[in-house]
Amino acid sequence: MSDSYLYAAARTPFGKFSGALAEVRPDDLAAVAVTGTLAKTPALDPAEIDDVVWGNANGAGEDNRNVGRMAVLLAGLPTSVPATTVNRLCGSSLDAAIIASRAIETGDADIVLTGGVESMTRAPWVLPKPSRAFPAADATAVSTTLGWRLVNRRMPKEWTVSLGEANEQLGERFTIARERQDAFAARSHNLADDAWNAGFYDDLVVPVVTDRKGTTVTRDEGIRPGSSAEKLAGLKPVFRPDGVITAGNASPLSDGASAVLLGSGEAAARIGTDPLARVAGRGVSALDPQMFGYAPVEAANRALKSAGITWSDVSAVELNEAFAVQSLACVDAWDVDPETVNAKGGAIALGHPLGASGGRLLGTLAHRLRESGQRWGVAAICIGVGQALAVVLENVSGGNR
């Protein structure tokens, strides 16, 4: 077994729902992430890429027909470069990286490009297809943007509550107050703004040209500088009249793409650069569907065990902030310093384009470790229908401690 390494990562800015990226197709967003990542390794002949593994949670619209393969073709890579698209909902691009790392470690591949994309703005409405022509009853168009749709009646109702209601239940179970959630959300916005202003994201985010006039999006659209718990406290609950989850302490609907280049140690000469990090451990877990927000706890613990380390060794954590409440529940359950979690902002501020978020976590984590010189980091993400994934990275960019 050989090791697998992260060599480069890039992503597009993340746009708000119906915002700056609304007119950009998801396959075009994916192509931007592909070209942006490969631009960091100019010595690599794209024909040397053994496979592309791409994540996407929707697949009901312009991202159909294997959007990973569409990204390869639209990015101008040789037609000899194969691609597949995987769907583990919010964890799709992290799953893609896990699949690629395993292929590299077993010797099935040497260089694999991974990533993911989601345009939640452009996700279509769908109509259930009738079993016979011209039914007498009305048909309802269903949005494919987020969450359950066309639910199987055999599913227990407690499993198919909305994502927001599921997290209201999580907050009740762990007694996580609205004030803590709003403070966590404000921290996310302010850290994201600080990181952008300090230039941290300059090397990670590639611009997107949105129209023929050359209009360009260069920065994540959802960040609210100067956020505070006091300001967020004025927002009304969304899912329950007396609830605690608001538009301010949950991740927004978003558009964007991310990409991560993985390879073996032996591939460094062909890639033309030294790796940033080693994929040291992986973890997957599952529990009751409505408890999905808590699933990263066990996934991360399993990834740490796989890597042969403990939380005391971890210096940086990238946890996808689907909701502030589930993020706090996970952090409370881990033996980790909360200040190490999402130190450059999280999904509440940056955005959560479902299929792209795992790649964002990995890229950010690798760059945080390189910046700090510290050795170990964890990326974890909760996944709808009760799952989670986690990856441990080891900094190999030099000077780790």
Protein backbone atom coordinates (compact mmCIF):
# COMPACT_ATOMS: atom_id res chain seq x y z
CA MET A 1 0.00 0.00 0.00
CA SER A 2 1.31 3.44 -0.94
CA ASP A 3 0.26 6.76 0.56
CA SER A 4 -2.05 9.28 -1.09
CA TYR A 5 -1.30 12.99 -1.01
CA LEU A 6 -3.10 16.27 -1.64
CA TYR A 7 -1.13 18.32 -4.17
CA ALA A 8 -3.41 21.23 -5.04
CA ALA A 9 -6.87 22.61 -4.39
CA ALA A 10 -9.00 25.44 -5.71
CA ARG A 11 -12.62 26.48 -5.68
CA THR A 12 -14.88 29.09 -7.13
CA PRO A 13 -16.33 31.83 -4.99
CA PHE A 14 -19.58 30.61 -3.43
CA GLY A 15 -22.59 32.60 -4.57
CA LYS A 16 -25.89 33.24 -2.81
CA PHE A 17 -29.13 31.65 -4.00
CA SER A 18 -30.25 33.63 -7.06
CA GLY A 19 -27.15 35.73 -6.64
CA ALA A 20 -24.00 36.49 -8.59
CA LEU A 21 -23.55 32.96 -9.98
CA ALA A 22 -27.20 32.36 -10.79
CA GLU A 23 -26.65 32.49 -14.56
CA VAL A 24 -23.71 30.07 -14.54
CA ARG A 25 -24.46 26.42 -15.26
CA PRO A 26 -23.16 23.87 -12.76
CA ASP A 27 -21.08 22.06 -15.39
CA ASP A 28 -19.42 25.39 -16.24
CA LEU A 29 -18.75 26.07 -12.55
CA ALA A 30 -17.18 22.63 -12.29
CA ALA A 31 -14.95 23.32 -15.29
CA VAL A 32 -13.70 26.53 -13.64
CA ALA A 33 -12.69 24.59 -10.53
CA VAL A 34 -10.92 21.99 -12.67
CA THR A 35 -8.91 24.53 -14.64
CA GLY A 36 -8.16 26.56 -11.51
CA THR A 37 -6.71 23.57 -9.73
CA LEU A 38 -4.67 22.33 -12.68
CA ALA A 39 -3.28 25.85 -13.16
CA LYS A 40 -1.42 25.30 -9.89
CA THR A 41 0.43 22.34 -11.40
CA PRO A 42 1.42 23.61 -14.86
CA ALA A 43 4.04 20.89 -15.30
CA LEU A 44 1.37 18.19 -15.15
CA ASP A 45 0.20 16.90 -18.52
CA PRO A 46 -3.59 16.52 -18.03
CA ALA A 47 -3.42 13.31 -20.06
CA GLU A 48 -1.55 11.83 -17.07
CA ILE A 49 -4.68 12.06 -14.90
CA ASP A 50 -5.88 8.50 -14.37
CA ASP A 51 -9.40 9.37 -13.31
CA VAL A 52 -11.71 12.16 -12.18
CA VAL A 53 -14.12 11.53 -9.29
CA TRP A 54 -16.69 14.28 -8.89
CA GLY A 55 -19.37 14.98 -6.31
CA ASN A 56 -22.88 16.28 -6.89
CA ALA A 57 -25.98 16.03 -4.72
CA ASN A 58 -28.69 16.97 -7.17
CA GLY A 59 -28.24 15.64 -10.66
CA ALA A 60 -31.76 16.57 -11.66
CA GLY A 61 -31.00 19.40 -14.08
CA GLU A 62 -28.00 20.74 -15.97
CA ASP A 63 -25.79 18.62 -13.71
CA ASN A 64 -27.23 15.41 -15.12
CA ARG A 65 -25.41 13.03 -17.46
CA ASN A 66 -22.35 12.62 -15.22
CA VAL A 67 -21.37 16.22 -14.47
CA GLY A 68 -17.81 15.12 -13.66
CA ARG A 69 -17.32 14.00 -17.25
CA MET A 70 -18.96 17.21 -18.47
CA ALA A 71 -16.47 19.23 -16.40
CA VAL A 72 -13.52 17.35 -17.91
CA LEU A 73 -14.74 18.02 -21.44
CA LEU A 74 -15.69 21.66 -20.84
CA ALA A 75 -12.32 22.32 -19.19
CA GLY A 76 -10.59 21.17 -22.36
CA LEU A 77 -8.90 18.12 -20.90
CA PRO A 78 -8.10 15.27 -23.31
CA THR A 79 -11.09 13.08 -24.06
CA SER A 80 -8.99 10.17 -22.80
CA VAL A 81 -9.41 11.41 -19.19
CA PRO A 82 -12.30 9.42 -17.66
CA ALA A 83 -14.66 10.69 -14.97
CA THR A 84 -17.42 9.54 -12.68
CA THR A 85 -19.91 11.37 -10.49
CA VAL A 86 -20.79 10.24 -6.97
CA ASN A 87 -23.68 11.29 -4.75
CA ARG A 88 -23.46 11.22 -0.98
CA LEU A 89 -25.48 14.43 -0.72
CA CYS A 90 -23.55 17.10 1.27
CA GLY A 91 -20.55 14.79 1.56
CA SER A 92 -20.26 14.09 -2.17
CA SER A 93 -16.93 15.82 -2.88
CA LEU A 94 -15.37 14.57 0.35
CA ASP A 95 -16.52 11.09 -0.66
CA ALA A 96 -14.93 11.67 -4.07
CA ALA A 97 -11.60 12.45 -2.40
CA ILE A 98 -11.91 9.38 -0.18
CA ILE A 99 -12.60 7.15 -3.18
CA ALA A 100 -9.62 8.65 -5.04
CA SER A 101 -7.29 8.25 -2.05
CA ARG A 102 -8.18 4.57 -1.79
CA ALA A 103 -7.56 4.04 -5.51
CA ILE A 104 -4.13 5.65 -5.16
CA GLU A 105 -3.22 3.65 -2.06
CA THR A 106 -4.17 0.34 -3.67
CA GLY A 107 -2.24 1.17 -6.83
CA ASP A 108 -5.29 1.38 -9.09
CA ALA A 109 -4.43 5.00 -9.92
CA ASP A 110 -1.50 7.37 -9.55
CA ILE A 111 -3.08 10.80 -10.14
CA VAL A 112 -6.77 11.52 -9.54
CA LEU A 113 -8.61 14.82 -9.77
CA THR A 114 -11.57 15.13 -7.41
CA GLY A 115 -14.11 17.78 -6.57
CA GLY A 116 -17.76 18.66 -6.63
CA VAL A 117 -20.32 21.20 -7.73
CA GLU A 118 -23.78 22.43 -6.91
CA SER A 119 -25.97 25.16 -8.31
CA MET A 120 -28.84 25.28 -5.88
CA THR A 121 -30.21 28.28 -7.74
CA ARG A 122 -30.53 26.33 -10.98
CA ALA A 123 -31.85 23.09 -9.46
CA PRO A 124 -35.07 22.37 -11.38
CA TRP A 125 -38.60 21.60 -10.31
CA VAL A 126 -39.70 18.08 -11.17
CA LEU A 127 -43.05 16.44 -11.76
CA PRO A 128 -43.70 12.83 -10.75
CA LYS A 129 -44.31 10.79 -13.87
CA PRO A 130 -47.84 9.27 -13.88
CA SER A 131 -48.22 5.53 -14.27
CA ARG A 132 -50.82 6.10 -17.00
CA ALA A 133 -51.55 8.85 -19.47
CA PHE A 134 -53.79 11.80 -18.63
CA PRO A 135 -54.45 11.26 -14.90
CA ALA A 136 -57.47 13.11 -13.55
CA ALA A 137 -55.72 14.48 -10.44
CA ASP A 138 -53.48 17.54 -10.26
CA ALA A 139 -49.71 17.14 -10.35
CA THR A 140 -47.41 19.23 -8.15
CA ALA A 141 -44.01 20.47 -9.23
CA VAL A 142 -41.42 19.69 -6.56
CA SER A 143 -38.26 21.73 -5.97
CA THR A 144 -35.04 19.73 -6.08
CA THR A 145 -32.98 22.45 -4.40
CA LEU A 146 -32.69 20.85 -0.97
CA GLY A 147 -33.97 18.07 1.21
CA TRP A 148 -36.56 15.36 0.86
CA ARG A 149 -38.82 15.18 -2.20
CA LEU A 150 -41.04 12.49 -3.71
CA VAL A 151 -40.75 10.66 -0.40
CA ASN A 152 -41.46 6.95 -0.23
CA ARG A 153 -44.58 6.48 1.93
CA ARG A 154 -42.93 3.52 3.66
CA MET A 155 -40.39 5.83 5.26
CA PRO A 156 -41.18 6.57 8.93
CA LYS A 157 -42.33 10.17 9.28
CA GLU A 158 -39.75 10.93 11.97
CA TRP A 159 -37.00 10.16 9.44
CA THR A 160 -38.30 12.56 6.79
CA VAL A 161 -38.76 15.76 8.74
CA SER A 162 -37.20 18.85 7.21
CA LEU A 163 -33.51 19.47 7.76
CA GLY A 164 -34.39 22.45 9.92
CA GLU A 165 -36.84 20.54 12.09
CA ALA A 166 -34.26 17.77 12.51
CA ASN A 167 -31.83 20.33 13.90
CA GLU A 168 -34.46 21.90 16.13
CA GLN A 169 -34.76 18.42 17.66
CA LEU A 170 -30.98 18.20 17.95
CA GLY A 171 -30.88 21.50 19.79
CA GLU A 172 -33.51 20.27 22.22
CA ARG A 173 -31.65 17.00 22.81
CA PHE A 174 -28.37 18.73 23.70
CA THR A 175 -29.85 21.93 25.20
CA ILE A 176 -28.03 24.29 22.85
CA ALA A 177 -29.45 27.77 23.31
CA ARG A 178 -30.28 30.26 20.58
CA GLU A 179 -27.70 32.67 22.02
CA ARG A 180 -24.86 30.15 21.51
CA GLN A 181 -25.99 29.47 17.96
CA ASP A 182 -26.11 33.16 17.05
CA ALA A 183 -22.69 33.76 18.60
CA PHE A 184 -21.25 30.83 16.63
CA ALA A 185 -22.77 32.18 13.40
CA ALA A 186 -21.43 35.69 13.99
CA ARG A 187 -17.97 34.22 14.63
CA SER A 188 -18.16 32.40 11.28
CA HIS A 189 -18.91 35.61 9.39
CA ASN A 190 -16.23 37.66 11.10
CA LEU A 191 -13.52 35.01 10.75
CA ALA A 192 -14.37 34.57 7.07
CA ASP A 193 -14.13 38.31 6.50
CA ASP A 194 -10.83 38.47 8.39
CA ALA A 195 -9.42 35.57 6.35
CA TRP A 196 -10.40 37.18 3.06
CA ASN A 197 -8.95 40.54 4.11
CA ALA A 198 -5.71 38.84 5.19
CA GLY A 199 -5.35 37.18 1.78
CA PHE A 200 -5.81 33.61 2.97
CA TYR A 201 -8.30 32.78 0.24
CA ASP A 202 -6.36 34.46 -2.56
CA ASP A 203 -4.55 31.21 -3.33
CA LEU A 204 -7.65 29.02 -2.97
CA VAL A 205 -10.40 30.82 -4.87
CA VAL A 206 -10.42 31.28 -8.64
CA PRO A 207 -12.68 33.91 -10.24
CA VAL A 208 -15.75 33.10 -12.30
CA VAL A 209 -16.72 35.14 -15.36
CA THR A 210 -20.51 35.21 -15.37
CA ASP A 211 -21.43 36.82 -18.69
CA ARG A 212 -20.16 37.93 -22.07
CA LYS A 213 -19.44 41.38 -20.70
CA GLY A 214 -16.75 39.88 -18.52
CA THR A 215 -18.51 40.40 -15.19
CA THR A 216 -16.36 38.53 -12.69
CA VAL A 217 -17.12 37.14 -9.26
CA THR A 218 -14.04 36.96 -7.05
CA ARG A 219 -15.25 36.64 -3.45
CA ASP A 220 -17.78 34.58 -1.49
CA GLU A 221 -21.06 36.42 -1.62
CA GLY A 222 -22.71 35.55 1.68
CA ILE A 223 -20.22 36.97 4.19
CA ARG A 224 -21.64 39.64 6.50
CA PRO A 225 -18.78 41.65 8.04
CA GLY A 226 -19.51 43.01 11.48
CA SER A 227 -22.03 40.34 12.36
CA SER A 228 -22.86 40.00 16.03
CA ALA A 229 -25.02 37.75 18.15
CA GLU A 230 -27.07 40.80 19.08
CA LYS A 231 -27.86 41.56 15.45
CA LEU A 232 -28.67 37.94 14.64
CA ALA A 233 -30.96 37.73 17.66
CA GLY A 234 -33.46 39.91 15.81
CA LEU A 235 -34.13 37.30 13.12
CA LYS A 236 -37.28 35.21 13.35
CA PRO A 237 -37.19 31.40 13.60
CA VAL A 238 -37.79 29.63 10.29
CA PHE A 239 -38.94 26.12 11.12
CA ARG A 240 -40.92 26.56 14.35
CA PRO A 241 -42.74 29.64 15.66
CA ASP A 242 -40.89 29.21 18.96
CA GLY A 243 -37.76 27.65 17.46
CA VAL A 244 -34.11 28.65 17.57
CA ILE A 245 -32.96 28.15 13.97
CA THR A 246 -33.01 31.23 11.75
CA ALA A 247 -31.64 32.26 8.39
CA GLY A 248 -28.73 33.76 10.33
CA ASN A 249 -27.51 30.68 12.18
CA ALA A 250 -27.86 28.17 9.34
CA SER A 251 -25.90 27.81 6.12
CA PRO A 252 -27.49 29.46 3.09
CA LEU A 253 -28.51 27.94 -0.22
CA SER A 254 -25.47 28.41 -2.44
CA ASP A 255 -23.82 27.92 -5.83
CA GLY A 256 -20.20 26.89 -6.36
CA ALA A 257 -17.59 24.26 -7.19
CA SER A 258 -14.36 22.93 -5.68
CA ALA A 259 -11.55 20.67 -6.86
CA VAL A 260 -8.69 18.78 -5.22
CA LEU A 261 -5.78 17.04 -6.95
CA LEU A 262 -4.59 13.83 -5.27
CA GLY A 263 -1.67 11.64 -6.19
CA SER A 264 0.85 9.11 -4.96
CA GLY A 265 4.25 10.10 -3.63
CA GLU A 266 5.84 8.76 -6.79
CA ALA A 267 3.65 11.05 -8.89
CA ALA A 268 5.31 14.21 -7.55
CA ALA A 269 7.79 14.38 -10.42
CA ARG A 270 5.03 14.27 -13.03
CA ILE A 271 2.80 16.66 -11.12
CA GLY A 272 5.75 19.01 -10.83
CA THR A 273 5.33 20.03 -7.21
CA ASP A 274 5.66 18.64 -3.72
CA PRO A 275 2.46 17.62 -1.93
CA LEU A 276 0.80 19.73 0.74
CA ALA A 277 -0.67 16.98 2.90
CA ARG A 278 -1.03 13.24 3.27
CA VAL A 279 -4.43 11.58 3.58
CA ALA A 280 -3.75 9.88 6.90
CA GLY A 281 -7.18 8.61 7.97
CA ARG A 282 -10.77 8.28 6.86
CA GLY A 283 -14.06 7.72 8.67
CA VAL A 284 -17.70 7.17 7.77
CA SER A 285 -20.64 6.82 10.13
CA ALA A 286 -24.42 6.68 10.11
CA LEU A 287 -27.29 6.99 12.59
CA ASP A 288 -31.02 7.79 12.59
CA PRO A 289 -31.77 10.04 9.57
CA GLN A 290 -33.16 12.93 11.63
CA MET A 291 -29.97 12.98 13.72
CA PHE A 292 -27.70 13.57 10.73
CA GLY A 293 -26.19 16.72 12.21
CA TYR A 294 -24.54 14.71 14.98
CA ALA A 295 -23.09 12.03 12.69
CA PRO A 296 -19.68 13.77 12.25
CA VAL A 297 -18.84 12.97 15.88
CA GLU A 298 -18.31 9.28 15.21
CA ALA A 299 -16.98 9.78 11.66
CA ALA A 300 -14.17 11.99 12.95
CA ASN A 301 -13.39 9.66 15.84
CA ARG A 302 -13.07 6.79 13.37
CA ALA A 303 -10.83 8.84 11.08
CA LEU A 304 -8.55 9.67 14.00
CA LYS A 305 -8.34 6.00 14.95
CA SER A 306 -7.53 5.16 11.33
CA ALA A 307 -4.71 7.72 11.39
CA GLY A 308 -3.38 6.44 14.70
CA ILE A 309 -3.75 9.77 16.51
CA THR A 310 -6.08 11.37 19.06
CA TRP A 311 -7.80 14.72 19.43
CA SER A 312 -4.84 15.93 21.49
CA ASP A 313 -2.72 15.80 18.32
CA VAL A 314 -5.16 17.87 16.21
CA SER A 315 -4.40 21.53 15.54
CA ALA A 316 -6.99 22.41 12.90
CA VAL A 317 -10.57 21.31 12.28
CA GLU A 318 -12.74 22.10 9.28
CA LEU A 319 -16.32 21.15 10.15
CA ASN A 320 -19.04 21.97 7.68
CA GLU A 321 -21.49 24.36 9.31
CA ALA A 322 -24.78 23.10 7.97
CA PHE A 323 -26.39 24.60 11.07
CA ALA A 324 -24.81 26.30 14.05
CA VAL A 325 -26.64 23.95 16.39
CA GLN A 326 -25.22 20.76 14.87
CA SER A 327 -21.75 22.25 14.67
CA LEU A 328 -21.87 23.10 18.37
CA ALA A 329 -23.18 19.63 19.22
CA CYS A 330 -20.22 18.06 17.42
CA VAL A 331 -17.60 20.38 18.90
CA ASP A 332 -19.03 19.80 22.38
CA ALA A 333 -18.67 16.05 21.89
CA TRP A 334 -15.03 16.21 20.75
CA ASP A 335 -12.05 16.77 23.02
CA VAL A 336 -10.91 19.71 20.92
CA ASP A 337 -10.21 23.40 21.41
CA PRO A 338 -13.20 25.21 19.81
CA GLU A 339 -10.87 27.94 18.56
CA THR A 340 -9.22 25.45 16.19
CA VAL A 341 -12.56 24.84 14.46
CA ASN A 342 -13.19 26.81 11.24
CA ALA A 343 -10.63 29.47 12.05
CA LYS A 344 -11.06 30.93 8.54
CA GLY A 345 -14.85 31.00 8.71
CA GLY A 346 -17.32 28.27 7.86
CA ALA A 347 -20.30 27.45 5.69
CA ILE A 348 -22.69 29.75 7.55
CA ALA A 349 -20.68 32.63 6.11
CA LEU A 350 -18.94 31.17 3.08
CA GLY A 351 -21.87 29.15 1.77
CA HIS A 352 -22.78 25.49 1.37
CA PRO A 353 -23.17 24.39 -2.27
CA LEU A 354 -23.88 20.80 -1.32
CA GLY A 355 -21.71 18.82 -3.72
CA ALA A 356 -18.79 21.26 -3.44
CA SER A 357 -18.46 21.64 0.32
CA GLY A 358 -16.27 18.62 1.04
CA GLY A 359 -13.65 19.78 -1.43
CA ARG A 360 -13.70 23.23 0.15
CA LEU A 361 -13.08 21.70 3.57
CA LEU A 362 -10.09 19.68 2.36
CA GLY A 363 -8.51 22.57 0.48
CA THR A 364 -8.95 24.97 3.37
CA LEU A 365 -7.60 22.45 5.87
CA ALA A 366 -4.46 21.74 3.83
CA HIS A 367 -3.76 25.45 3.46
CA ARG A 368 -4.38 26.12 7.16
CA LEU A 369 -1.83 23.44 8.07
CA ARG A 370 0.67 24.86 5.60
CA GLU A 371 0.19 28.37 6.97
CA SER A 372 0.54 27.35 10.61
CA GLY A 373 3.18 24.66 10.15
CA GLN A 374 1.17 22.38 12.41
CA ARG A 375 0.93 18.69 11.67
CA TRP A 376 -2.57 17.23 11.99
CA GLY A 377 -6.01 18.38 10.87
CA VAL A 378 -9.53 16.96 10.51
CA ALA A 379 -12.19 17.71 7.89
CA ALA A 380 -15.70 16.49 8.71
CA ILE A 381 -19.15 16.94 7.22
CA CYS A 382 -22.68 15.91 8.14
CA ILE A 383 -24.83 14.37 5.43
CA GLY A 384 -28.61 14.24 5.05
CA VAL A 385 -30.41 10.97 5.80
CA GLY A 386 -28.16 10.34 8.78
CA GLN A 387 -24.57 10.03 7.59
CA ALA A 388 -21.18 11.74 7.91
CA LEU A 389 -17.65 11.57 6.55
CA ALA A 390 -14.30 12.68 7.94
CA VAL A 391 -10.70 12.81 6.71
CA VAL A 392 -7.48 13.34 8.66
CA LEU A 393 -4.70 15.23 6.86
CA GLU A 394 -1.05 15.27 7.85
CA ASN A 395 0.90 18.36 6.85
CA VAL A 396 3.92 17.41 4.71
CA SER A 397 4.59 20.87 3.32
CA GLY A 398 7.55 21.32 5.67
CA GLY A 399 8.19 22.59 9.15
CA ASN A 400 5.29 20.84 10.82
CA ARG A 401 5.17 20.71 14.59
